[in-house]
Amino acid sequence: MEPVTHFLTGACIGRAGLNRKTAYATLAAVLAAEAADLDIFWGFAGPVAELQHHRGITHTFWAVPIVAAAVVGAVWLIDRLRNTRRNPSSSTPPQPVRWLWLYLSAFLAALSHILLDWTNNYGVRPLFPLNPRWSAGSFMFIVEPILYLFFFLAFFMPWVLGLADREIGARGQPFRGRGWAIFALIGMLFLGCLRWAEHAQALSLLQSSDLTSEPVLRTAAEPYPINPFHWNGILETPQFFQSAEINTRTGTIASDQHIDVLYKPTDTPAVEAAKRTYLGRVYLDWGTWAVVRDLGHEPVPGLDPPNLPPGRIWTTIEFSDLRFQYAFAPDRGFVRRSRSPLGGWVYIVDNRDDAGEIMSGRVQR
């Protein structure tokens, strides 16, 4: 999921009652909920390096206790700094820090990051490096507005009720918002269960459909935001891929043979050379629905084609993943765009040499 969802999930975990057990519980949960995404700093090494290492070791089950310990260590430093600046004559004693409860808060929040990332179709490698296989629930969209509604209620309603109490002169309640935080977490769980069930229904409808008379090798259903009954289906046959719009509420599937069928590209020597490049190896390891196409003599925006002497030729090889090829509006099907989401391109010279790699608009140096 995107960072805002992780941060606010951590805040709800801390405010759901753990903040009544120890000081800094919410702070620790917020930090731990997003700490795994520190691997984005691999982006400084280039977009391919970022793809290779993102959702790697920091997104594993082994990393959860380590991330939690690191966050507790950071909070300990903050606490020491605050103690040195605290007025010793203060009549209000600070809430005590119970370090085991604080570690539990960070542990649960760090675990929530992996579980939330698993729900979308990008996937995680929770057992990396022992098992480098990607796993994806594919039932939650990476940005889910319904979750924002739960978070809004969890943080806005306690503030409103606090204003009402002050208006009538009622005594303020400490740790206000526990019930709303629990409500948000339960709402997230309910939405996830609903989407998980509808995802299974979408796959069942796709597998039992008569969209093609060809043998179906595998199927997938990719989520749309907001609507848990709307899915983009993909099926693979020996000759082509086909997409479909699935409505699990009505049990219907729509697919147009003219725009929703993508015949598998022919492997050329340039394609085989591109698969052996740095981008090719990393992309094919991650791209469970990867398609590699030889675009011929077609320049890529953001990366100048190679300047070659007479007698040498270059070609452009495109890497894309069908999990991210469906549009949300207004077009549909496998229409190739100038910049495919999470796509990559490689210039190949003389069907063998790597002459430049670019991904998501960034050049790999």
Protein backbone atom coordinates (compact mmCIF):
# COMPACT_ATOMS: atom_id res chain seq x y z
CA MET A 1 0.00 0.00 0.00
CA GLU A 2 1.02 3.63 -0.29
CA PRO A 3 2.74 5.35 2.69
CA VAL A 4 -0.31 7.25 4.02
CA THR A 5 -2.21 4.01 4.61
CA HIS A 6 0.77 2.50 6.43
CA PHE A 7 1.27 5.55 8.66
CA LEU A 8 -2.41 5.82 9.60
CA THR A 9 -2.69 2.08 10.22
CA GLY A 10 0.20 2.37 12.66
CA ALA A 11 -1.51 5.30 14.38
CA CYS A 12 -4.71 3.27 14.77
CA ILE A 13 -2.75 0.33 16.20
CA GLY A 14 -1.16 2.61 18.79
CA ARG A 15 -4.43 4.38 19.66
CA ALA A 16 -6.43 1.15 19.91
CA GLY A 17 -5.32 0.71 23.52
CA LEU A 18 -1.57 0.25 23.46
CA ASN A 19 -1.11 3.96 24.20
CA ARG A 20 -2.81 3.30 27.54
CA LYS A 21 -0.15 0.73 28.40
CA THR A 22 2.96 2.78 27.70
CA ALA A 23 4.18 6.15 26.61
CA TYR A 24 5.25 6.54 22.96
CA ALA A 25 3.10 3.58 21.81
CA THR A 26 1.51 5.52 18.96
CA LEU A 27 4.83 7.05 17.93
CA ALA A 28 6.51 3.65 17.85
CA ALA A 29 3.63 2.12 15.88
CA VAL A 30 3.63 4.91 13.31
CA LEU A 31 7.38 4.64 12.75
CA ALA A 32 7.37 0.85 12.57
CA ALA A 33 4.39 0.79 10.22
CA GLU A 34 6.36 2.59 7.51
CA ALA A 35 9.96 1.60 8.35
CA ALA A 36 10.05 -1.26 5.82
CA ASP A 37 9.83 1.24 2.95
CA LEU A 38 13.26 2.61 3.77
CA ASP A 39 14.39 0.31 0.98
CA ILE A 40 13.26 3.03 -1.45
CA PHE A 41 16.73 4.53 -0.95
CA TRP A 42 17.87 1.89 -3.43
CA GLY A 43 16.31 4.26 -5.94
CA PHE A 44 19.47 6.34 -5.77
CA ALA A 45 21.21 3.43 -7.51
CA GLY A 46 18.68 3.59 -10.35
CA PRO A 47 15.16 2.37 -11.13
CA VAL A 48 16.18 -1.20 -11.88
CA ALA A 49 18.10 -1.45 -8.60
CA GLU A 50 15.04 -0.10 -6.84
CA LEU A 51 12.81 -2.74 -8.45
CA GLN A 52 15.32 -5.43 -7.53
CA HIS A 53 15.51 -4.52 -3.85
CA HIS A 54 12.13 -2.91 -3.12
CA ARG A 55 9.96 -5.16 -0.97
CA GLY A 56 12.99 -7.31 -0.37
CA ILE A 57 14.67 -8.06 2.96
CA THR A 58 12.89 -5.25 4.83
CA HIS A 59 9.53 -6.77 3.84
CA THR A 60 10.18 -10.22 5.28
CA PHE A 61 8.93 -11.95 8.41
CA TRP A 62 12.54 -12.12 9.64
CA ALA A 63 12.81 -8.35 9.48
CA VAL A 64 9.74 -7.65 11.63
CA PRO A 65 11.41 -8.22 15.05
CA ILE A 66 14.53 -6.37 13.90
CA VAL A 67 12.52 -3.39 12.62
CA ALA A 68 10.57 -3.32 15.90
CA ALA A 69 13.80 -3.36 17.92
CA ALA A 70 15.30 -0.56 15.82
CA VAL A 71 12.20 1.58 16.31
CA VAL A 72 12.26 0.98 20.07
CA GLY A 73 15.91 2.02 20.07
CA ALA A 74 15.03 5.23 18.25
CA VAL A 75 12.24 5.95 20.74
CA TRP A 76 14.68 5.31 23.60
CA LEU A 77 16.94 8.02 22.18
CA ILE A 78 13.98 10.39 21.91
CA ASP A 79 13.02 9.63 25.50
CA ARG A 80 16.56 10.28 26.72
CA LEU A 81 16.61 13.61 24.89
CA ARG A 82 13.27 14.62 26.36
CA ASN A 83 14.38 13.65 29.86
CA THR A 84 17.40 15.92 29.60
CA ARG A 85 15.14 18.83 28.69
CA ARG A 86 12.29 18.11 31.11
CA ASN A 87 11.78 20.54 33.96
CA PRO A 88 12.49 18.60 37.17
CA SER A 89 10.02 20.79 39.10
CA SER A 90 7.13 19.79 36.85
CA SER A 91 4.20 18.62 38.97
CA THR A 92 2.82 16.34 36.24
CA PRO A 93 4.79 13.10 36.04
CA PRO A 94 5.21 11.71 32.51
CA GLN A 95 3.44 8.54 31.49
CA PRO A 96 5.83 5.66 32.21
CA VAL A 97 7.54 3.84 29.39
CA ARG A 98 6.98 0.10 29.51
CA TRP A 99 9.45 -1.21 27.02
CA LEU A 100 7.88 -4.62 26.40
CA TRP A 101 4.56 -2.98 25.56
CA LEU A 102 6.41 -0.53 23.36
CA TYR A 103 8.14 -3.37 21.53
CA LEU A 104 4.77 -5.10 21.04
CA SER A 105 3.34 -1.91 19.52
CA ALA A 106 6.24 -1.66 17.07
CA PHE A 107 6.12 -5.39 16.28
CA LEU A 108 2.41 -5.36 15.40
CA ALA A 109 2.80 -2.24 13.28
CA ALA A 110 5.81 -3.64 11.40
CA LEU A 111 3.87 -6.84 10.72
CA SER A 112 0.93 -4.80 9.42
CA HIS A 113 3.16 -3.33 6.71
CA ILE A 114 3.92 -6.74 5.21
CA LEU A 115 0.30 -7.88 5.43
CA LEU A 116 -1.03 -4.71 3.78
CA ASP A 117 1.55 -4.88 0.97
CA TRP A 118 0.66 -8.53 0.37
CA THR A 119 -2.99 -7.63 -0.26
CA ASN A 120 -2.28 -5.71 -3.49
CA ASN A 121 -1.06 -7.08 -6.81
CA TYR A 122 2.56 -5.84 -6.60
CA GLY A 123 3.30 -8.51 -4.01
CA VAL A 124 5.94 -9.21 -1.36
CA ARG A 125 8.61 -11.84 -0.72
CA PRO A 126 7.95 -12.63 2.96
CA LEU A 127 10.46 -15.51 3.14
CA PHE A 128 13.26 -13.84 1.14
CA PRO A 129 16.10 -14.83 0.73
CA LEU A 130 15.32 -18.44 1.68
CA ASN A 131 12.44 -18.34 -0.76
CA PRO A 132 12.67 -15.49 -3.33
CA ARG A 133 9.20 -16.23 -4.74
CA TRP A 134 6.78 -13.30 -4.96
CA SER A 135 3.38 -13.65 -3.30
CA ALA A 136 0.41 -11.33 -3.87
CA GLY A 137 -3.16 -11.39 -2.59
CA SER A 138 -4.27 -9.11 -5.46
CA PHE A 139 -7.55 -8.17 -3.80
CA MET A 140 -6.80 -4.62 -2.59
CA PHE A 141 -5.92 -1.69 -4.82
CA ILE A 142 -2.69 0.07 -3.83
CA VAL A 143 -4.66 3.26 -3.02
CA GLU A 144 -8.01 2.50 -1.41
CA PRO A 145 -10.25 5.54 -0.71
CA ILE A 146 -12.57 3.50 1.52
CA LEU A 147 -9.69 3.02 3.96
CA TYR A 148 -9.26 6.80 4.05
CA LEU A 149 -12.89 7.06 5.19
CA PHE A 150 -12.18 4.74 8.11
CA PHE A 151 -9.07 6.73 9.02
CA PHE A 152 -10.96 10.02 8.78
CA LEU A 153 -13.56 8.78 11.24
CA ALA A 154 -10.89 7.36 13.56
CA PHE A 155 -9.11 10.70 13.92
CA PHE A 156 -11.81 13.29 13.23
CA MET A 157 -14.57 11.99 15.48
CA PRO A 158 -12.49 12.03 18.74
CA TRP A 159 -11.53 15.63 17.95
CA VAL A 160 -15.16 16.61 17.41
CA LEU A 161 -16.28 14.88 20.62
CA GLY A 162 -13.46 16.59 22.47
CA LEU A 163 -14.71 19.96 21.24
CA ALA A 164 -18.21 19.10 22.43
CA ASP A 165 -16.91 18.16 25.90
CA ARG A 166 -15.03 21.44 26.20
CA GLU A 167 -18.11 23.33 25.07
CA ILE A 168 -20.22 21.95 27.92
CA GLY A 169 -17.36 22.07 30.42
CA ALA A 170 -17.02 18.32 30.81
CA ARG A 171 -13.76 16.94 32.07
CA GLY A 172 -11.49 15.84 29.23
CA GLN A 173 -10.93 12.11 28.82
CA PRO A 174 -7.33 10.89 28.47
CA PHE A 175 -6.48 8.72 25.47
CA ARG A 176 -9.64 9.68 23.64
CA GLY A 177 -10.28 7.80 20.40
CA ARG A 178 -9.68 4.19 21.37
CA GLY A 179 -13.10 3.05 20.18
CA TRP A 180 -12.80 4.84 16.85
CA ALA A 181 -9.32 3.42 16.25
CA ILE A 182 -10.64 -0.09 16.90
CA PHE A 183 -13.56 0.67 14.57
CA ALA A 184 -11.14 1.67 11.79
CA LEU A 185 -9.06 -1.50 12.21
CA ILE A 186 -12.18 -3.68 12.18
CA GLY A 187 -13.42 -1.80 9.12
CA MET A 188 -10.12 -2.50 7.36
CA LEU A 189 -10.42 -6.18 8.23
CA PHE A 190 -14.02 -6.32 7.02
CA LEU A 191 -13.15 -4.61 3.73
CA GLY A 192 -10.20 -6.96 3.21
CA CYS A 193 -12.39 -10.03 3.83
CA LEU A 194 -15.06 -8.74 1.46
CA ARG A 195 -12.52 -8.05 -1.27
CA TRP A 196 -10.83 -11.42 -0.70
CA ALA A 197 -14.17 -13.21 -1.16
CA GLU A 198 -15.07 -11.17 -4.25
CA HIS A 199 -11.60 -11.80 -5.71
CA ALA A 200 -12.16 -15.54 -5.35
CA GLN A 201 -15.57 -15.13 -7.01
CA ALA A 202 -14.02 -13.15 -9.89
CA LEU A 203 -11.46 -15.90 -10.49
CA SER A 204 -14.19 -18.53 -10.40
CA LEU A 205 -16.28 -16.64 -12.96
CA LEU A 206 -13.27 -16.18 -15.24
CA GLN A 207 -12.21 -19.81 -15.03
CA SER A 208 -15.71 -21.05 -15.84
CA SER A 209 -16.34 -18.56 -18.65
CA ASP A 210 -16.52 -19.35 -22.36
CA LEU A 211 -14.45 -16.37 -23.49
CA THR A 212 -12.23 -18.63 -25.58
CA SER A 213 -12.25 -22.16 -26.92
CA GLU A 214 -8.47 -22.37 -26.45
CA PRO A 215 -7.06 -24.20 -23.41
CA VAL A 216 -6.54 -21.73 -20.56
CA LEU A 217 -3.13 -21.95 -18.91
CA ARG A 218 -3.74 -19.55 -16.01
CA THR A 219 -5.97 -16.69 -14.88
CA ALA A 220 -5.76 -13.60 -12.69
CA ALA A 221 -8.15 -10.96 -11.35
CA GLU A 222 -6.80 -7.48 -10.62
CA PRO A 223 -8.60 -4.99 -8.34
CA TYR A 224 -10.13 -1.63 -9.11
CA PRO A 225 -10.29 1.01 -6.34
CA ILE A 226 -13.48 1.65 -4.33
CA ASN A 227 -15.74 -0.93 -5.99
CA PRO A 228 -15.10 -4.42 -4.56
CA PHE A 229 -17.32 -6.00 -7.23
CA HIS A 230 -15.36 -4.71 -10.26
CA TRP A 231 -12.28 -6.62 -11.42
CA ASN A 232 -10.01 -6.78 -14.43
CA GLY A 233 -9.54 -10.37 -15.49
CA ILE A 234 -6.60 -11.80 -17.43
CA LEU A 235 -6.36 -15.25 -18.95
CA GLU A 236 -3.51 -16.85 -20.83
CA THR A 237 -3.73 -19.41 -23.61
CA PRO A 238 -0.85 -20.94 -25.59
CA GLN A 239 -1.31 -18.28 -28.29
CA PHE A 240 -2.55 -15.09 -26.62
CA PHE A 241 -3.57 -13.17 -23.52
CA GLN A 242 -7.13 -11.89 -23.09
CA SER A 243 -8.51 -9.32 -20.67
CA ALA A 244 -12.07 -8.99 -19.40
CA GLU A 245 -14.16 -6.76 -17.16
CA ILE A 246 -15.72 -8.79 -14.35
CA ASN A 247 -18.72 -7.79 -12.22
CA THR A 248 -19.07 -10.18 -9.31
CA ARG A 249 -22.30 -8.56 -8.10
CA THR A 250 -24.13 -9.43 -11.33
CA GLY A 251 -21.95 -12.40 -12.25
CA THR A 252 -21.19 -11.01 -15.71
CA ILE A 253 -18.00 -10.86 -17.80
CA ALA A 254 -17.42 -8.49 -20.72
CA SER A 255 -14.60 -8.91 -23.23
CA ASP A 256 -14.14 -7.61 -26.78
CA GLN A 257 -12.19 -9.92 -29.07
CA HIS A 258 -10.98 -6.93 -31.10
CA ILE A 259 -9.33 -4.89 -28.32
CA ASP A 260 -8.97 -7.30 -25.39
CA VAL A 261 -6.79 -9.95 -27.05
CA LEU A 262 -3.01 -9.64 -27.14
CA TYR A 263 -1.20 -12.26 -29.19
CA LYS A 264 2.05 -13.36 -27.68
CA PRO A 265 4.99 -11.54 -29.25
CA THR A 266 7.56 -13.50 -31.20
CA ASP A 267 10.92 -13.98 -29.52
CA THR A 268 13.63 -12.36 -31.61
CA PRO A 269 17.40 -12.45 -31.04
CA ALA A 270 17.14 -8.89 -29.68
CA VAL A 271 14.44 -9.99 -27.21
CA GLU A 272 16.62 -12.85 -25.99
CA ALA A 273 19.54 -10.44 -25.56
CA ALA A 274 17.31 -8.00 -23.64
CA LYS A 275 16.20 -10.74 -21.25
CA ARG A 276 19.85 -11.20 -20.26
CA THR A 277 20.39 -7.51 -19.42
CA TYR A 278 20.24 -6.19 -15.86
CA LEU A 279 16.73 -4.81 -16.42
CA GLY A 280 15.60 -8.01 -18.12
CA ARG A 281 16.75 -10.33 -15.34
CA VAL A 282 15.24 -8.20 -12.58
CA TYR A 283 11.99 -7.56 -14.43
CA LEU A 284 11.36 -11.19 -15.31
CA ASP A 285 12.04 -12.23 -11.72
CA TRP A 286 9.34 -9.83 -10.52
CA GLY A 287 6.90 -9.69 -13.44
CA THR A 288 4.57 -12.66 -12.99
CA TRP A 289 2.60 -11.51 -16.07
CA ALA A 290 5.54 -10.01 -17.97
CA VAL A 291 5.34 -9.45 -21.72
CA VAL A 292 8.50 -8.68 -23.72
CA ARG A 293 8.11 -7.08 -27.16
CA ASP A 294 10.47 -6.03 -29.92
CA LEU A 295 9.31 -2.54 -30.95
CA GLY A 296 11.85 -2.17 -33.70
CA HIS A 297 13.46 1.18 -34.46
CA GLU A 298 11.34 3.14 -31.96
CA PRO A 299 12.99 5.72 -29.63
CA VAL A 300 12.01 5.79 -25.98
CA PRO A 301 11.07 9.16 -24.40
CA GLY A 302 13.76 10.14 -21.89
CA LEU A 303 16.54 8.00 -23.34
CA ASP A 304 18.32 8.93 -26.56
CA PRO A 305 18.84 6.03 -28.97
CA PRO A 306 22.43 4.92 -29.55
CA ASN A 307 24.46 6.86 -32.09
CA LEU A 308 26.00 4.12 -34.22
CA PRO A 309 28.35 4.01 -37.18
CA PRO A 310 27.02 2.75 -40.53
CA GLY A 311 26.38 -0.96 -40.64
CA ARG A 312 25.22 -1.33 -37.04
CA ILE A 313 21.56 -1.47 -36.00
CA TRP A 314 19.62 -0.90 -32.81
CA THR A 315 16.17 -1.94 -31.68
CA THR A 316 13.95 -1.18 -28.69
CA ILE A 317 12.72 -3.95 -26.41
CA GLU A 318 9.77 -3.20 -24.12
CA PHE A 319 9.05 -4.95 -20.81
CA SER A 320 5.55 -4.63 -19.37
CA ASP A 321 3.40 -6.49 -16.88
CA LEU A 322 -0.26 -7.20 -17.64
CA ARG A 323 -1.16 -6.81 -13.96
CA PHE A 324 -0.81 -3.06 -14.42
CA GLN A 325 -1.92 -2.66 -18.03
CA TYR A 326 -5.63 -2.15 -17.41
CA ALA A 327 -6.92 1.42 -17.43
CA PHE A 328 -9.35 2.88 -14.95
CA ALA A 329 -10.97 5.18 -17.56
CA PRO A 330 -11.79 5.68 -20.29
CA ASP A 331 -9.99 3.11 -22.45
CA ARG A 332 -9.61 -0.59 -21.80
CA GLY A 333 -7.88 -3.63 -23.14
CA PHE A 334 -4.22 -4.10 -24.06
CA VAL A 335 -3.69 -0.71 -25.68
CA ARG A 336 0.04 0.00 -25.55
CA ARG A 337 0.78 3.41 -24.08
CA SER A 338 3.93 5.51 -24.51
CA ARG A 339 4.70 4.92 -20.85
CA SER A 340 3.42 1.61 -19.55
CA PRO A 341 2.90 1.60 -15.76
CA LEU A 342 5.97 -0.03 -14.21
CA GLY A 343 7.31 -0.70 -17.70
CA GLY A 344 10.92 -0.86 -18.84
CA TRP A 345 12.77 -0.43 -22.12
CA VAL A 346 16.18 -1.56 -23.35
CA TYR A 347 18.10 -0.55 -26.48
CA ILE A 348 19.80 -3.56 -28.02
CA VAL A 349 22.56 -3.12 -30.61
CA ASP A 350 23.27 -5.80 -33.23
CA ASN A 351 20.92 -8.19 -31.42
CA ARG A 352 23.38 -8.65 -28.56
CA ASP A 353 24.68 -5.48 -26.84
CA ASP A 354 22.92 -3.46 -24.13
CA ALA A 355 22.95 0.22 -25.19
CA GLY A 356 20.78 1.78 -22.47
CA GLU A 357 18.01 0.95 -20.01
CA ILE A 358 15.12 3.07 -18.75
CA MET A 359 12.23 2.32 -16.42
CA SER A 360 9.34 4.51 -15.30
CA GLY A 361 10.97 7.52 -16.93
CA ARG A 362 14.32 7.07 -15.15
CA VAL A 363 17.53 5.92 -16.79
CA GLN A 364 19.51 3.10 -15.20
CA ARG A 365 23.17 4.14 -15.13
